[in-house]
Amino acid sequence: MSPAATKQHRATAPRSPRVAQRRDRMRQTVLRVGAKMFLERGIENVSVEEILDAANLARSTFYSFFTSKRDLLFHILDPIFQTGVAHMQGLKGLAPADMVYGVIDMYPMLWERFGEALFLRIGRDEFKLIEKTHNQYVAMIGQVFSGVEAAGILRNGSSPHTQRLIARCAIDVVRVYRNDPDFKRLYRTTMEGMLLTDDAHRGGRGGH
C-alpha cells in the first residue's frame, strides 16, 4: 500500500469505541467550556486560544471538531433548538393541557441537557447561524398553542400572547430557580400560574 493510500486508510478507518468515547468527551468539554466562557464574558471577548487553555486541549484537537469560533457557537446553540423541535413534535395528538405542560417541562429538560448554553444571548450576526432551526422551533411553539387556544385553558386566552410570554420568561424562570433543590416544582408552578387557568393546573406536581 502506498504512503498516500496508507494515510487515506488511517483517516477513514473506524476508530475503536474507546477512542471514539474519548474524542466525544473532549468535544463535549469544548462545548461546555465555550458556552460558559461566552456567557461570562461575551462571545466577542473570548478567543479560541482561551477556550483551549481552559479546556486543557491542543489547538489541533479543537480544529478536528470545529472550523472556527463561529462554528463552535453554532454547535453549542443549534442542538438546543433541534432538541426543542423534536420534543414539541412528540406533543402532537395530546390533550390540550398535556401539550401546554409538555412545553413548560421542555425548558428544565433543555437546562439539564445543555446547561449554561441555554442562557446565551446572541447578536444579529450570530443569530444567522441558527436562524433556520430557531424559526422551526418558533413555528412548532405556534402550532402547539394555536391548537390549545380553542380549549379555553390559556390564562390570557391568546395563543400569540402565550407564545410571547414563553419567549420572554421561560428561560429566565429556569435561571432563577435552577440551583434550588425544589427547582422543577418551583419552575412549573410559576409557569403554569402565568400560562394556564386555575382549573387547568395540576397541583404543582413536578414534571417528568
Protein backbone atom coordinates (compact mmCIF):
# COMPACT_ATOMS: atom_id res chain seq x y z
CA MET A 1 0.00 0.00 0.00
CA SER A 2 1.41 3.40 -0.99
CA PRO A 3 2.08 6.07 1.70
CA ALA A 4 -0.80 8.15 0.35
CA ALA A 5 -3.13 5.16 0.42
CA THR A 6 -1.99 4.29 3.92
CA LYS A 7 -2.71 7.83 5.11
CA GLN A 8 -6.16 7.74 3.49
CA HIS A 9 -6.86 4.36 5.06
CA ARG A 10 -5.95 5.67 8.53
CA ALA A 11 -8.15 8.73 8.02
CA THR A 12 -11.17 6.66 7.06
CA ALA A 13 -10.62 3.61 9.26
CA PRO A 14 -13.19 3.33 12.05
CA ARG A 15 -11.90 4.30 15.48
CA SER A 16 -12.16 1.94 18.39
CA PRO A 17 -15.13 2.56 20.73
CA ARG A 18 -12.70 3.70 23.43
CA VAL A 19 -11.08 6.29 21.16
CA ALA A 20 -14.49 7.45 19.92
CA GLN A 21 -15.70 7.87 23.50
CA ARG A 22 -12.59 9.81 24.47
CA ARG A 23 -12.98 12.13 21.49
CA ASP A 24 -16.65 12.65 22.30
CA ARG A 25 -15.72 13.59 25.88
CA MET A 26 -13.18 16.10 24.57
CA ARG A 27 -15.72 17.58 22.19
CA GLN A 28 -18.31 17.90 24.94
CA THR A 29 -15.69 19.59 27.12
CA VAL A 30 -15.04 22.20 24.44
CA LEU A 31 -18.78 22.80 24.02
CA ARG A 32 -19.31 23.15 27.78
CA VAL A 33 -16.27 25.38 28.38
CA GLY A 34 -17.04 27.51 25.34
CA ALA A 35 -20.63 28.07 26.43
CA LYS A 36 -19.53 29.01 29.96
CA MET A 37 -16.93 31.48 28.74
CA PHE A 38 -19.24 33.02 26.13
CA LEU A 39 -21.87 33.52 28.81
CA GLU A 40 -19.49 35.03 31.35
CA ARG A 41 -17.50 37.33 29.08
CA GLY A 42 -19.44 37.73 25.84
CA ILE A 43 -18.80 35.86 22.61
CA GLU A 44 -16.72 38.60 21.03
CA ASN A 45 -14.38 38.76 24.05
CA VAL A 46 -13.36 35.09 24.04
CA SER A 47 -10.70 33.63 21.74
CA VAL A 48 -10.19 30.05 20.63
CA GLU A 49 -6.86 30.03 22.46
CA GLU A 50 -8.53 30.98 25.74
CA ILE A 51 -11.10 28.22 25.32
CA LEU A 52 -8.32 25.72 24.67
CA ASP A 53 -6.40 26.85 27.75
CA ALA A 54 -9.50 26.49 29.92
CA ALA A 55 -10.34 23.09 28.43
CA ASN A 56 -6.69 21.94 28.52
CA LEU A 57 -6.80 20.81 24.90
CA ALA A 58 -4.48 21.24 21.94
CA ARG A 59 -5.29 23.58 19.08
CA SER A 60 -5.26 20.67 16.64
CA THR A 61 -7.88 18.91 18.74
CA PHE A 62 -10.20 21.91 18.57
CA TYR A 63 -9.89 22.14 14.80
CA SER A 64 -10.57 18.44 14.41
CA PHE A 65 -14.03 19.20 15.81
CA PHE A 66 -14.82 22.77 14.73
CA THR A 67 -13.68 25.01 11.89
CA SER A 68 -13.82 28.28 13.88
CA LYS A 69 -15.23 30.02 16.94
CA ARG A 70 -18.43 30.68 15.00
CA ASP A 71 -18.70 27.00 14.15
CA LEU A 72 -18.29 26.18 17.84
CA LEU A 73 -21.07 28.65 18.68
CA PHE A 74 -23.31 27.02 16.08
CA HIS A 75 -22.74 23.58 17.60
CA ILE A 76 -23.45 24.95 21.08
CA LEU A 77 -26.77 26.56 20.12
CA ASP A 78 -28.25 24.63 17.21
CA PRO A 79 -28.75 21.34 19.13
CA ILE A 80 -30.86 23.22 21.69
CA PHE A 81 -33.37 24.23 19.04
CA GLN A 82 -33.19 20.84 17.32
CA THR A 83 -33.99 19.15 20.62
CA GLY A 84 -36.84 21.59 21.25
CA VAL A 85 -38.34 20.92 17.81
CA ALA A 86 -38.15 17.15 18.31
CA HIS A 87 -39.69 17.47 21.79
CA MET A 88 -42.64 19.51 20.54
CA GLN A 89 -43.22 17.15 17.64
CA GLY A 90 -43.77 14.48 20.27
CA LEU A 91 -46.59 16.55 21.79
CA LYS A 92 -48.82 16.25 18.73
CA GLY A 93 -52.09 14.47 19.43
CA LEU A 94 -52.00 15.01 23.21
CA ALA A 95 -54.80 16.66 25.18
CA PRO A 96 -54.52 20.48 25.25
CA ALA A 97 -53.35 20.68 28.88
CA ASP A 98 -50.77 17.95 28.26
CA MET A 99 -49.43 19.91 25.32
CA VAL A 100 -49.01 23.04 27.45
CA TYR A 101 -47.30 21.10 30.23
CA GLY A 102 -45.12 19.47 27.59
CA VAL A 103 -43.87 22.89 26.52
CA ILE A 104 -43.49 24.07 30.13
CA ASP A 105 -41.45 21.00 31.06
CA MET A 106 -39.28 21.31 27.96
CA TYR A 107 -37.14 24.08 29.46
CA PRO A 108 -35.92 22.20 32.56
CA MET A 109 -35.11 19.32 30.20
CA LEU A 110 -33.08 21.65 27.99
CA TRP A 111 -31.29 23.05 31.06
CA GLU A 112 -30.37 19.57 32.26
CA ARG A 113 -29.09 18.60 28.82
CA PHE A 114 -27.34 21.78 27.69
CA GLY A 115 -26.61 23.71 30.87
CA GLU A 116 -25.45 27.30 30.61
CA ALA A 117 -25.68 27.28 26.82
CA LEU A 118 -29.42 27.81 27.36
CA PHE A 119 -28.73 31.30 28.74
CA LEU A 120 -26.57 32.61 25.90
CA ARG A 121 -27.73 35.84 24.27
CA ILE A 122 -26.52 36.44 20.75
CA GLY A 123 -26.47 39.36 18.36
CA ARG A 124 -27.96 39.66 14.90
CA ASP A 125 -24.85 38.40 13.16
CA GLU A 126 -24.60 35.28 15.33
CA PHE A 127 -28.34 34.70 15.01
CA LYS A 128 -27.87 33.99 11.30
CA LEU A 129 -26.01 30.83 12.29
CA ILE A 130 -29.07 29.24 13.88
CA GLU A 131 -31.87 31.18 12.17
CA LYS A 132 -33.28 28.21 10.25
CA THR A 133 -33.57 25.90 13.26
CA HIS A 134 -34.74 28.74 15.50
CA ASN A 135 -37.55 29.52 13.08
CA GLN A 136 -38.60 25.86 13.02
CA TYR A 137 -38.66 25.93 16.82
CA VAL A 138 -40.81 29.09 16.92
CA ALA A 139 -43.16 27.63 14.31
CA MET A 140 -43.60 24.47 16.41
CA ILE A 141 -44.50 26.50 19.50
CA GLY A 142 -47.01 28.39 17.38
CA GLN A 143 -48.58 25.15 16.20
CA VAL A 144 -48.87 23.83 19.74
CA PHE A 145 -50.58 26.89 21.15
CA SER A 146 -52.78 27.51 18.15
CA GLY A 147 -54.24 24.09 18.84
CA VAL A 148 -54.60 24.78 22.56
CA GLU A 149 -56.28 28.20 22.35
CA ALA A 150 -59.71 26.80 21.44
CA ALA A 151 -59.73 24.66 24.59
CA GLY A 152 -60.07 27.82 26.70
CA ILE A 153 -57.34 26.89 29.19
CA LEU A 154 -54.86 29.69 28.42
CA ARG A 155 -54.92 32.30 31.17
CA ASN A 156 -54.78 35.20 28.73
CA GLY A 157 -56.96 33.43 26.15
CA SER A 158 -54.46 34.16 23.40
CA SER A 159 -52.00 31.89 21.63
CA PRO A 160 -49.78 34.81 20.46
CA HIS A 161 -49.67 36.37 23.94
CA THR A 162 -48.80 33.00 25.48
CA GLN A 163 -46.03 32.41 22.97
CA ARG A 164 -44.53 35.81 23.76
CA LEU A 165 -44.69 35.12 27.49
CA ILE A 166 -42.79 31.88 27.00
CA ALA A 167 -40.20 33.53 24.76
CA ARG A 168 -39.57 36.27 27.33
CA CYS A 169 -39.94 34.37 30.60
CA ALA A 170 -39.37 30.62 30.46
CA ILE A 171 -35.57 30.62 30.33
CA ASP A 172 -35.32 33.43 32.89
CA VAL A 173 -37.54 31.44 35.28
CA VAL A 174 -35.18 28.47 34.82
CA ARG A 175 -32.29 30.81 35.63
CA VAL A 176 -33.97 31.99 38.86
CA TYR A 177 -34.71 28.52 40.24
CA ARG A 178 -32.05 26.28 38.66
CA ASN A 179 -29.92 25.89 41.80
CA ASP A 180 -32.83 25.34 44.18
CA PRO A 181 -33.36 21.75 45.40
CA ASP A 182 -37.05 22.18 44.56
CA PHE A 183 -36.24 23.56 41.10
CA LYS A 184 -38.75 21.65 38.97
CA ARG A 185 -41.74 22.28 41.21
CA LEU A 186 -40.97 25.98 41.65
CA TYR A 187 -40.37 26.43 37.94
CA ARG A 188 -43.54 24.57 36.96
CA THR A 189 -45.86 26.32 39.41
CA THR A 190 -44.53 29.70 38.26
CA MET A 191 -45.03 28.89 34.60
CA GLU A 192 -48.45 27.30 34.97
CA GLY A 193 -49.56 30.31 37.02
CA MET A 194 -48.65 32.58 34.11
CA LEU A 195 -49.93 30.41 31.28
CA LEU A 196 -52.91 28.34 32.43
CA THR A 197 -56.29 29.00 34.00
CA ASP A 198 -56.55 27.79 37.61
CA ASP A 199 -58.81 24.85 36.77
CA ALA A 200 -56.22 23.54 34.28
CA HIS A 201 -53.43 23.33 36.90
CA ARG A 202 -52.10 20.01 38.08
CA GLY A 203 -51.49 20.98 41.65
CA GLY A 204 -47.82 21.87 41.18
CA ARG A 205 -46.53 18.34 40.69
CA GLY A 206 -43.00 18.08 39.34
CA GLY A 207 -42.82 17.29 35.65
CA HIS A 208 -41.09 14.32 34.06
